[in-house]
Structures are given as structure tokens and as C-alpha cells.
C-alpha atoms as a PDB file:
ATOM      1  CA  UNK A   1    -124.327-141.050 180.052  1.00  0.00           C
ATOM      2  CA  UNK A   2    -126.008-144.316 180.901  1.00  0.00           C
ATOM      3  CA  UNK A   3    -122.877-146.264 180.071  1.00  0.00           C
ATOM      4  CA  UNK A   4    -121.128-144.782 183.112  1.00  0.00           C
ATOM      5  CA  UNK A   5    -123.370-147.019 185.216  1.00  0.00           C
ATOM      6  CA  UNK A   6    -121.662-150.046 183.649  1.00  0.00           C
ATOM      7  CA  UNK A   7    -118.069-148.919 184.239  1.00  0.00           C
ATOM      8  CA  UNK A   8    -116.612-150.455 187.408  1.00  0.00           C
ATOM      9  CA  UNK A   9    -114.855-148.083 189.822  1.00  0.00           C
ATOM     10  CA  UNK A  10    -115.715-144.958 187.815  1.00  0.00           C
ATOM     11  CA  UNK A  11    -115.639-141.738 189.849  1.00  0.00           C
ATOM     12  CA  UNK A  12    -117.564-138.462 189.421  1.00  0.00           C
ATOM     13  CA  UNK A  13    -120.222-140.048 187.235  1.00  0.00           C
ATOM     14  CA  UNK A  14    -122.803-137.565 188.557  1.00  0.00           C
ATOM     15  CA  UNK A  15    -120.701-134.473 187.829  1.00  0.00           C
ATOM     16  CA  UNK A  16    -122.095-133.940 184.336  1.00  0.00           C
ATOM     17  CA  UNK A  17    -118.564-133.673 183.012  1.00  0.00           C
ATOM     18  CA  UNK A  18    -117.181-135.393 179.935  1.00  0.00           C
ATOM     19  CA  UNK A  19    -115.528-138.792 180.255  1.00  0.00           C
ATOM     20  CA  UNK A  20    -111.732-138.847 180.081  1.00  0.00           C
ATOM     21  CA  UNK A  21    -109.811-141.804 178.664  1.00  0.00           C
ATOM     22  CA  UNK A  22    -106.126-141.071 179.108  1.00  0.00           C
ATOM     23  CA  UNK A  23    -102.713-142.627 179.607  1.00  0.00           C
ATOM     24  CA  UNK A  24     -99.572-143.470 177.666  1.00  0.00           C
ATOM     25  CA  UNK A  25     -99.718-145.014 174.216  1.00  0.00           C
ATOM     26  CA  UNK A  26     -98.020-148.186 175.454  1.00  0.00           C
ATOM     27  CA  UNK A  27     -97.140-149.719 178.805  1.00  0.00           C
ATOM     28  CA  UNK A  28     -93.376-149.215 178.929  1.00  0.00           C
ATOM     29  CA  UNK A  29     -92.901-150.316 182.536  1.00  0.00           C
ATOM     30  CA  UNK A  30     -94.676-150.501 185.878  1.00  0.00           C
ATOM     31  CA  UNK A  31     -93.255-147.409 187.567  1.00  0.00           C
ATOM     32  CA  UNK A  32     -93.920-145.188 184.568  1.00  0.00           C
ATOM     33  CA  UNK A  33     -97.480-146.427 184.133  1.00  0.00           C
ATOM     34  CA  UNK A  34     -98.353-146.030 187.823  1.00  0.00           C
ATOM     35  CA  UNK A  35     -96.872-142.526 187.927  1.00  0.00           C
ATOM     36  CA  UNK A  36     -98.895-141.429 184.900  1.00  0.00           C
ATOM     37  CA  UNK A  37    -102.097-143.019 186.203  1.00  0.00           C
ATOM     38  CA  UNK A  38    -101.638-141.409 189.633  1.00  0.00           C
ATOM     39  CA  UNK A  39    -101.040-137.974 188.132  1.00  0.00           C
ATOM     40  CA  UNK A  40    -104.104-138.159 185.894  1.00  0.00           C
ATOM     41  CA  UNK A  41    -106.234-139.485 188.748  1.00  0.00           C
ATOM     42  CA  UNK A  42    -105.253-136.545 190.964  1.00  0.00           C
ATOM     43  CA  UNK A  43    -106.125-134.084 188.200  1.00  0.00           C
ATOM     44  CA  UNK A  44    -109.431-135.787 187.383  1.00  0.00           C
ATOM     45  CA  UNK A  45    -110.403-135.784 191.055  1.00  0.00           C
ATOM     46  CA  UNK A  46    -109.703-132.071 191.362  1.00  0.00           C
ATOM     47  CA  UNK A  47    -111.800-131.315 188.278  1.00  0.00           C
ATOM     48  CA  UNK A  48    -114.451-133.997 188.952  1.00  0.00           C
ATOM     49  CA  UNK A  49    -113.912-135.732 185.625  1.00  0.00           C
ATOM     50  CA  UNK A  50    -114.820-139.437 185.215  1.00  0.00           C
ATOM     51  CA  UNK A  51    -111.509-141.094 184.308  1.00  0.00           C
ATOM     52  CA  UNK A  52    -110.478-144.360 182.640  1.00  0.00           C
ATOM     53  CA  UNK A  53    -106.779-145.204 182.431  1.00  0.00           C
ATOM     54  CA  UNK A  54    -105.603-146.414 179.031  1.00  0.00           C
ATOM     55  CA  UNK A  55    -102.414-148.186 178.042  1.00  0.00           C
ATOM     56  CA  UNK A  56    -101.717-150.582 175.184  1.00  0.00           C
ATOM     57  CA  UNK A  57    -100.252-153.864 176.390  1.00  0.00           C
ATOM     58  CA  UNK A  58     -99.159-154.701 172.854  1.00  0.00           C
ATOM     59  CA  UNK A  59     -98.577-152.562 169.763  1.00  0.00           C
ATOM     60  CA  UNK A  60     -99.567-154.837 166.904  1.00  0.00           C
ATOM     61  CA  UNK A  61     -99.865-152.143 164.234  1.00  0.00           C
ATOM     62  CA  UNK A  62     -96.425-150.612 163.650  1.00  0.00           C
ATOM     63  CA  UNK A  63     -94.893-149.330 160.437  1.00  0.00           C
ATOM     64  CA  UNK A  64     -91.525-151.065 160.860  1.00  0.00           C
ATOM     65  CA  UNK A  65     -90.435-154.452 162.116  1.00  0.00           C
ATOM     66  CA  UNK A  66     -87.944-152.875 164.524  1.00  0.00           C
ATOM     67  CA  UNK A  67     -90.585-150.683 166.222  1.00  0.00           C
ATOM     68  CA  UNK A  68     -91.399-151.223 169.900  1.00  0.00           C
ATOM     69  CA  UNK A  69     -94.283-153.657 170.362  1.00  0.00           C
ATOM     70  CA  UNK A  70     -94.386-154.200 174.124  1.00  0.00           C
ATOM     71  CA  UNK A  71     -92.752-155.521 177.272  1.00  0.00           C
ATOM     72  CA  UNK A  72     -94.628-158.844 177.184  1.00  0.00           C
ATOM     73  CA  UNK A  73     -98.351-159.438 177.044  1.00  0.00           C
ATOM     74  CA  UNK A  74     -99.039-160.848 180.496  1.00  0.00           C
ATOM     75  CA  UNK A  75     -96.543-158.519 182.159  1.00  0.00           C
ATOM     76  CA  UNK A  76     -98.162-155.418 180.678  1.00  0.00           C
ATOM     77  CA  UNK A  77    -101.703-156.636 181.351  1.00  0.00           C
ATOM     78  CA  UNK A  78    -100.756-157.411 184.956  1.00  0.00           C
ATOM     79  CA  UNK A  79     -99.556-153.812 185.321  1.00  0.00           C
ATOM     80  CA  UNK A  80    -102.893-152.568 184.021  1.00  0.00           C
ATOM     81  CA  UNK A  81    -104.751-154.790 186.462  1.00  0.00           C
ATOM     82  CA  UNK A  82    -102.556-153.597 189.335  1.00  0.00           C
ATOM     83  CA  UNK A  83    -103.274-149.971 188.468  1.00  0.00           C
ATOM     84  CA  UNK A  84    -106.987-150.675 188.375  1.00  0.00           C
ATOM     85  CA  UNK A  85    -106.898-152.460 191.715  1.00  0.00           C
ATOM     86  CA  UNK A  86    -104.502-150.247 193.681  1.00  0.00           C
ATOM     87  CA  UNK A  87    -105.785-146.900 192.416  1.00  0.00           C
ATOM     88  CA  UNK A  88    -109.407-148.124 192.277  1.00  0.00           C
ATOM     89  CA  UNK A  89    -109.973-146.883 188.726  1.00  0.00           C
ATOM     90  CA  UNK A  90    -111.236-148.523 185.513  1.00  0.00           C
ATOM     91  CA  UNK A  91    -108.626-149.499 182.930  1.00  0.00           C
ATOM     92  CA  UNK A  92    -108.734-150.214 179.219  1.00  0.00           C
ATOM     93  CA  UNK A  93    -106.478-151.590 176.500  1.00  0.00           C
ATOM     94  CA  UNK A  94    -106.769-152.452 172.826  1.00  0.00           C
ATOM     95  CA  UNK A  95    -107.085-155.983 171.455  1.00  0.00           C
ATOM     96  CA  UNK A  96    -106.332-157.314 167.997  1.00  0.00           C
ATOM     97  CA  UNK A  97    -107.787-160.835 167.730  1.00  0.00           C
ATOM     98  CA  UNK A  98    -110.618-162.896 169.229  1.00  0.00           C
ATOM     99  CA  UNK A  99    -108.086-164.743 171.391  1.00  0.00           C
ATOM    100  CA  UNK A 100    -106.668-161.481 172.712  1.00  0.00           C
ATOM    101  CA  UNK A 101    -110.143-160.196 173.540  1.00  0.00           C
ATOM    102  CA  UNK A 102    -110.858-163.185 175.753  1.00  0.00           C
ATOM    103  CA  UNK A 103    -107.415-163.092 177.381  1.00  0.00           C
ATOM    104  CA  UNK A 104    -107.255-159.334 178.018  1.00  0.00           C
ATOM    105  CA  UNK A 105    -110.779-159.228 179.435  1.00  0.00           C
ATOM    106  CA  UNK A 106    -109.449-160.966 182.552  1.00  0.00           C
ATOM    107  CA  UNK A 107    -107.259-157.934 183.304  1.00  0.00           C
ATOM    108  CA  UNK A 108    -109.173-154.831 182.164  1.00  0.00           C
ATOM    109  CA  UNK A 109    -112.643-153.302 182.405  1.00  0.00           C
ATOM    110  CA  UNK A 110    -113.078-152.050 178.828  1.00  0.00           C
ATOM    111  CA  UNK A 111    -111.872-153.492 175.543  1.00  0.00           C
ATOM    112  CA  UNK A 112    -110.821-151.102 172.799  1.00  0.00           C
ATOM    113  CA  UNK A 113    -111.034-152.097 169.140  1.00  0.00           C
ATOM    114  CA  UNK A 114    -108.347-150.380 167.023  1.00  0.00           C
ATOM    115  CA  UNK A 115    -109.504-148.273 164.094  1.00  0.00           C
ATOM    116  CA  UNK A 116    -107.888-150.500 161.467  1.00  0.00           C
ATOM    117  CA  UNK A 117    -109.794-153.490 162.901  1.00  0.00           C
ATOM    118  CA  UNK A 118    -113.233-151.947 163.390  1.00  0.00           C
ATOM    119  CA  UNK A 119    -114.776-154.118 160.660  1.00  0.00           C
ATOM    120  CA  UNK A 120    -113.299-157.427 161.869  1.00  0.00           C
ATOM    121  CA  UNK A 121    -116.413-159.400 162.676  1.00  0.00           C
ATOM    122  CA  UNK A 122    -114.758-162.199 164.650  1.00  0.00           C
ATOM    123  CA  UNK A 123    -112.951-159.670 166.846  1.00  0.00           C
ATOM    124  CA  UNK A 124    -116.080-157.611 167.521  1.00  0.00           C
ATOM    125  CA  UNK A 125    -118.148-160.686 168.349  1.00  0.00           C
ATOM    126  CA  UNK A 126    -115.457-162.061 170.663  1.00  0.00           C
ATOM    127  CA  UNK A 127    -115.187-158.709 172.443  1.00  0.00           C
ATOM    128  CA  UNK A 128    -118.957-158.593 172.832  1.00  0.00           C
ATOM    129  CA  UNK A 129    -119.051-162.051 174.381  1.00  0.00           C
ATOM    130  CA  UNK A 130    -116.670-161.042 177.177  1.00  0.00           C
ATOM    131  CA  UNK A 131    -119.523-158.814 178.452  1.00  0.00           C
ATOM    132  CA  UNK A 132    -117.050-155.958 178.853  1.00  0.00           C
ATOM    133  CA  UNK A 133    -117.776-152.480 177.535  1.00  0.00           C
ATOM    134  CA  UNK A 134    -116.482-152.345 173.959  1.00  0.00           C
ATOM    135  CA  UNK A 135    -115.021-149.075 172.669  1.00  0.00           C
ATOM    136  CA  UNK A 136    -114.782-149.198 168.862  1.00  0.00           C
ATOM    137  CA  UNK A 137    -112.519-146.694 167.166  1.00  0.00           C
ATOM    138  CA  UNK A 138    -113.842-145.427 163.845  1.00  0.00           C
ATOM    139  CA  UNK A 139    -111.681-146.508 160.941  1.00  0.00           C
ATOM    140  CA  UNK A 140    -109.829-143.717 159.170  1.00  0.00           C
ATOM    141  CA  UNK A 141    -111.425-145.073 156.003  1.00  0.00           C
ATOM    142  CA  UNK A 142    -115.066-145.069 157.216  1.00  0.00           C
ATOM    143  CA  UNK A 143    -117.836-142.518 157.403  1.00  0.00           C
ATOM    144  CA  UNK A 144    -119.539-141.856 160.711  1.00  0.00           C
ATOM    145  CA  UNK A 145    -122.737-143.397 159.331  1.00  0.00           C
ATOM    146  CA  UNK A 146    -120.933-146.655 158.535  1.00  0.00           C
ATOM    147  CA  UNK A 147    -120.066-147.173 162.207  1.00  0.00           C
ATOM    148  CA  UNK A 148    -123.621-148.343 162.820  1.00  0.00           C
ATOM    149  CA  UNK A 149    -122.647-151.721 161.411  1.00  0.00           C
ATOM    150  CA  UNK A 150    -119.650-152.122 163.711  1.00  0.00           C
ATOM    151  CA  UNK A 151    -121.824-151.223 166.694  1.00  0.00           C
ATOM    152  CA  UNK A 152    -124.535-153.633 165.571  1.00  0.00           C
ATOM    153  CA  UNK A 153    -122.082-156.528 165.435  1.00  0.00           C
ATOM    154  CA  UNK A 154    -121.460-156.085 169.154  1.00  0.00           C
ATOM    155  CA  UNK A 155    -125.069-155.355 170.035  1.00  0.00           C
ATOM    156  CA  UNK A 156    -126.462-158.247 168.023  1.00  0.00           C
ATOM    157  CA  UNK A 157    -123.995-160.520 169.822  1.00  0.00           C
ATOM    158  CA  UNK A 158    -125.778-159.742 173.075  1.00  0.00           C
ATOM    159  CA  UNK A 159    -123.790-156.768 174.368  1.00  0.00           C
ATOM    160  CA  UNK A 160    -125.376-153.308 174.373  1.00  0.00           C
ATOM    161  CA  UNK A 161    -122.391-151.663 176.103  1.00  0.00           C
ATOM    162  CA  UNK A 162    -120.803-149.941 173.106  1.00  0.00           C
ATOM    163  CA  UNK A 163    -118.856-146.696 172.794  1.00  0.00           C
ATOM    164  CA  UNK A 164    -117.593-145.219 169.534  1.00  0.00           C
ATOM    165  CA  UNK A 165    -114.427-143.165 169.150  1.00  0.00           C
ATOM    166  CA  UNK A 166    -113.756-140.603 166.439  1.00  0.00           C
ATOM    167  CA  UNK A 167    -110.048-140.486 165.543  1.00  0.00           C
ATOM    168  CA  UNK A 168    -109.902-138.673 162.230  1.00  0.00           C
ATOM    169  CA  UNK A 169    -110.395-139.530 158.586  1.00  0.00           C
ATOM    170  CA  UNK A 170    -107.679-140.099 155.999  1.00  0.00           C
ATOM    171  CA  UNK A 171    -106.930-136.933 154.046  1.00  0.00           C
ATOM    172  CA  UNK A 172    -104.404-137.694 151.348  1.00  0.00           C
ATOM    173  CA  UNK A 173    -101.563-140.067 152.150  1.00  0.00           C
ATOM    174  CA  UNK A 174    -100.021-138.348 155.172  1.00  0.00           C
ATOM    175  CA  UNK A 175    -102.717-136.503 157.055  1.00  0.00           C
ATOM    176  CA  UNK A 176    -106.019-136.854 158.896  1.00  0.00           C
ATOM    177  CA  UNK A 177    -108.937-134.488 159.385  1.00  0.00           C
ATOM    178  CA  UNK A 178    -111.722-134.523 161.971  1.00  0.00           C
ATOM    179  CA  UNK A 179    -115.216-133.953 160.635  1.00  0.00           C
ATOM    180  CA  UNK A 180    -117.103-132.710 163.699  1.00  0.00           C
ATOM    181  CA  UNK A 181    -120.397-133.532 161.966  1.00  0.00           C
ATOM    182  CA  UNK A 182    -119.605-137.174 162.632  1.00  0.00           C
ATOM    183  CA  UNK A 183    -119.969-136.764 166.408  1.00  0.00           C
ATOM    184  CA  UNK A 184    -123.756-136.156 166.448  1.00  0.00           C
ATOM    185  CA  UNK A 185    -124.171-138.671 163.625  1.00  0.00           C
ATOM    186  CA  UNK A 186    -122.626-141.426 165.767  1.00  0.00           C
ATOM    187  CA  UNK A 187    -124.435-140.229 168.893  1.00  0.00           C
ATOM    188  CA  UNK A 188    -127.682-140.680 166.990  1.00  0.00           C
ATOM    189  CA  UNK A 189    -126.799-144.374 166.702  1.00  0.00           C
ATOM    190  CA  UNK A 190    -127.459-144.562 170.443  1.00  0.00           C
ATOM    191  CA  UNK A 191    -123.809-144.828 171.498  1.00  0.00           C
ATOM    192  CA  UNK A 192    -121.713-142.383 173.521  1.00  0.00           C
ATOM    193  CA  UNK A 193    -118.979-140.869 171.369  1.00  0.00           C
ATOM    194  CA  UNK A 194    -115.403-140.225 172.422  1.00  0.00           C
ATOM    195  CA  UNK A 195    -113.070-137.873 170.542  1.00  0.00           C
ATOM    196  CA  UNK A 196    -109.482-139.079 170.270  1.00  0.00           C
ATOM    197  CA  UNK A 197    -107.663-135.753 170.407  1.00  0.00           C
ATOM    198  CA  UNK A 198    -104.174-137.176 169.884  1.00  0.00           C
ATOM    199  CA  UNK A 199    -104.438-139.896 167.224  1.00  0.00           C
ATOM    200  CA  UNK A 200    -106.592-137.511 165.181  1.00  0.00           C
ATOM    201  CA  UNK A 201    -103.440-135.454 164.733  1.00  0.00           C
ATOM    202  CA  UNK A 202    -101.230-138.244 163.459  1.00  0.00           C
ATOM    203  CA  UNK A 203     -99.342-137.877 160.200  1.00  0.00           C
ATOM    204  CA  UNK A 204     -99.080-141.475 158.952  1.00  0.00           C
ATOM    205  CA  UNK A 205     -97.043-143.001 156.129  1.00  0.00           C
ATOM    206  CA  UNK A 206     -93.893-140.974 156.667  1.00  0.00           C
ATOM    207  CA  UNK A 207     -90.866-141.954 154.587  1.00  0.00           C
ATOM    208  CA  UNK A 208     -88.950-142.735 157.795  1.00  0.00           C
ATOM    209  CA  UNK A 209     -91.497-145.401 158.758  1.00  0.00           C
ATOM    210  CA  UNK A 210     -92.242-143.474 161.969  1.00  0.00           C
ATOM    211  CA  UNK A 211     -95.638-141.789 162.259  1.00  0.00           C
ATOM    212  CA  UNK A 212     -95.547-138.025 162.727  1.00  0.00           C
ATOM    213  CA  UNK A 213     -98.026-135.752 164.448  1.00  0.00           C
ATOM    214  CA  UNK A 214     -99.194-132.227 165.272  1.00  0.00           C
ATOM    215  CA  UNK A 215     -99.418-132.108 169.075  1.00  0.00           C
ATOM    216  CA  UNK A 216     -99.649-128.314 169.080  1.00  0.00           C
ATOM    217  CA  UNK A 217    -103.220-128.744 167.806  1.00  0.00           C
ATOM    218  CA  UNK A 218    -104.411-131.116 170.551  1.00  0.00           C
ATOM    219  CA  UNK A 219    -106.173-128.310 172.384  1.00  0.00           C
ATOM    220  CA  UNK A 220    -107.774-127.067 169.167  1.00  0.00           C
ATOM    221  CA  UNK A 221    -109.295-130.476 168.449  1.00  0.00           C
ATOM    222  CA  UNK A 222    -110.309-131.047 172.069  1.00  0.00           C
ATOM    223  CA  UNK A 223    -111.990-127.663 172.506  1.00  0.00           C
ATOM    224  CA  UNK A 224    -113.923-128.057 169.269  1.00  0.00           C
ATOM    225  CA  UNK A 225    -115.108-131.525 170.258  1.00  0.00           C
ATOM    226  CA  UNK A 226    -116.291-130.487 173.713  1.00  0.00           C
ATOM    227  CA  UNK A 227    -118.060-127.476 172.212  1.00  0.00           C
ATOM    228  CA  UNK A 228    -119.869-129.794 169.775  1.00  0.00           C
ATOM    229  CA  UNK A 229    -121.015-131.917 172.730  1.00  0.00           C
ATOM    230  CA  UNK A 230    -118.833-135.001 172.563  1.00  0.00           C
ATOM    231  CA  UNK A 231    -119.386-137.439 175.442  1.00  0.00           C
ATOM    232  CA  UNK A 232    -115.715-137.935 176.196  1.00  0.00           C
ATOM    233  CA  UNK A 233    -112.161-137.164 175.187  1.00  0.00           C
ATOM    234  CA  UNK A 234    -109.270-139.564 174.651  1.00  0.00           C
ATOM    235  CA  UNK A 235    -105.804-138.138 175.260  1.00  0.00           C
ATOM    236  CA  UNK A 236    -102.515-139.998 175.196  1.00  0.00           C
ATOM    237  CA  UNK A 237    -100.025-138.365 177.516  1.00  0.00           C
ATOM    238  CA  UNK A 238     -96.461-138.971 178.683  1.00  0.00           C
ATOM    239  CA  UNK A 239     -93.905-137.216 180.922  1.00  0.00           C
ATOM    240  CA  UNK A 240     -91.544-136.884 177.954  1.00  0.00           C
ATOM    241  CA  UNK A 241     -93.175-137.650 174.601  1.00  0.00           C
ATOM    242  CA  UNK A 242     -89.858-137.343 172.794  1.00  0.00           C
ATOM    243  CA  UNK A 243     -88.606-140.415 174.645  1.00  0.00           C
ATOM    244  CA  UNK A 244     -91.839-142.418 174.422  1.00  0.00           C
ATOM    245  CA  UNK A 245     -91.500-145.806 172.757  1.00  0.00           C
ATOM    246  CA  UNK A 246     -94.690-145.402 170.719  1.00  0.00           C
ATOM    247  CA  UNK A 247     -96.606-142.444 169.239  1.00  0.00           C
ATOM    248  CA  UNK A 248     -94.475-139.807 170.919  1.00  0.00           C
ATOM    249  CA  UNK A 249     -95.008-137.448 167.981  1.00  0.00           C
ATOM    250  CA  UNK A 250     -98.653-136.841 168.847  1.00  0.00           C
ATOM    251  CA  UNK A 251     -98.812-137.252 172.646  1.00  0.00           C
ATOM    252  CA  UNK A 252     -99.484-134.441 175.106  1.00  0.00           C
ATOM    253  CA  UNK A 253     -96.791-133.706 177.725  1.00  0.00           C
ATOM    254  CA  UNK A 254     -98.408-134.615 181.020  1.00  0.00           C
ATOM    255  CA  UNK A 255     -97.423-131.298 182.597  1.00  0.00           C
ATOM    256  CA  UNK A 256     -99.851-129.612 180.167  1.00  0.00           C
ATOM    257  CA  UNK A 257    -102.773-131.904 180.904  1.00  0.00           C
ATOM    258  CA  UNK A 258    -104.371-130.139 183.873  1.00  0.00           C
ATOM    259  CA  UNK A 259    -104.530-126.735 182.203  1.00  0.00           C
ATOM    260  CA  UNK A 260    -106.090-128.286 179.114  1.00  0.00           C
ATOM    261  CA  UNK A 261    -108.694-130.246 181.087  1.00  0.00           C
ATOM    262  CA  UNK A 262    -109.513-127.191 183.172  1.00  0.00           C
ATOM    263  CA  UNK A 263    -110.313-125.214 180.032  1.00  0.00           C
ATOM    264  CA  UNK A 264    -112.309-128.087 178.557  1.00  0.00           C
ATOM    265  CA  UNK A 265    -114.344-128.358 181.762  1.00  0.00           C
ATOM    266  CA  UNK A 266    -115.251-124.668 181.516  1.00  0.00           C
ATOM    267  CA  UNK A 267    -116.434-125.163 177.920  1.00  0.00           C
ATOM    268  CA  UNK A 268    -118.503-128.148 179.026  1.00  0.00           C
ATOM    269  CA  UNK A 269    -120.113-126.110 181.805  1.00  0.00           C
ATOM    270  CA  UNK A 270    -120.921-123.312 179.369  1.00  0.00           C
ATOM    271  CA  UNK A 271    -122.820-125.523 176.917  1.00  0.00           C
ATOM    272  CA  UNK A 272    -124.696-127.819 179.322  1.00  0.00           C
END
């Protein structure tokens, strides 16, 4: 993937392996975030997987007003920057407004555009102008073909460093499905494509106001995506998903991560 050449501090870029974007849903505290990042880094080094650490510094899209939104913007972003510096790895977070894009770009290497905001022109243009890599998540309401226009908004703003992430398509009111045909469709747009193996298994719009999920199917989605030839996988992981402050219902327990990645690496080697 040519885009690996633009990612600061990326390791194992010549291994031919898929890219891994992984971390907790949200930054809950410094010690927790560093522990997770260190664990994933050790695993990715053993398996020679290029790794980007992900953590949301702010959760702007929550079902209920009393849901956890963050520990403070600058505090969480400073933790991300510290992880990137001390562990010498690239870091990414999601942004929700043009102002956030400019602010967060001072702390992270890659800006992620949330799925619900993938058509927000001002946000995409602002992210492009930071000159950071921009990872756009495909809206649950969009076809793979329609993502060309989101990518073009960044590219036509002077930034060719675009990744696209598949994260499922709305199926009824409370479920998502992944159409694997969308992966080569988006790759044909000239962008590397990441498969979000955890958010694709969300069950939104629950009566409780708390999003559900099907974490038992994470490996199913991930194996299918790697077999199709996806460029990378996105996995949210946590030491104890049941106690996570955001998206615990669809995160992978971190003690299951190495076995999963080991199997995915073998699939990757078999098809390339």
C-alpha cells in the first residue's frame, strides 16, 4: 500500500501484511490507554503487522445525554500524543467539526471521519487541509460507490492521502450487514480500504438507548474481509469490554486479539 509511506512511525510496512487500526473505543484514562497500546504493539511486532493505535478523545455521537463522552478534549489528545511519542507508533482519532480537525491534527497522525459525518463537506475539507491522512468511514446509509464523492472532497482540496473504511450498512432498524462486494468497489476508487470488524456488528437503536452488538462474530467478519483482500482491519479492543465506557457490547477482549490476528495473518499469506 502506497499510503504506508505517508504514515509516520509505521512499522513492518514491507511485510506485505494487512494494516491494523486498533485500540479502545474511547480514551478512558492514561494508564489504560498505554497498557492497551503496549499490548497491541507487542502482538503486532511478533506478527509483523503495521499498526496504528486508535482511541476517540471525544464521543460526540451517543444515544443518551447521560452517556460517557470523554475525559476532556486536550487531556485525551495529550494521552494519544504521548502514546505516539513514547511507543513510537502512529495514532489516530475521530473528529466531528472543522475546528476539531484543525485542533486534533496537532496531536495525532491520522484523522478519522465518523460514518454519520462522511458527507459533511466543511469537515472533509478542513481535515484535508491539515495535510494529515484522512480515514473516512462509510456511512451506514451509503453505497460503496457513493464513497467516491467523499473521497473526492478531500482529494480536490489538495490531499490525496485518503483511506476508506467499511463499517456495515443499515439493515432494518436494529442491525447492520457487511456487503463484501463493497471492498473491491471502494478499492477501485484508488483508496486503500479498511474493514471495521467491530462497529460492523453493532445493533443500534435499542430501546435502552445503549447500542448492542454481536462480538462473537468479529472473527467471522474479519476472516471474510481478509479473504476478500481488504487492505486493513479495524478492531476496537479492551481488557474488559463489559466495563468499557463506550461500545463495550461490540469490542473484542484484548486477550483474544493475538489468536485472531495470527489466524488472519495466515489467511493473508495464503491469498497473496
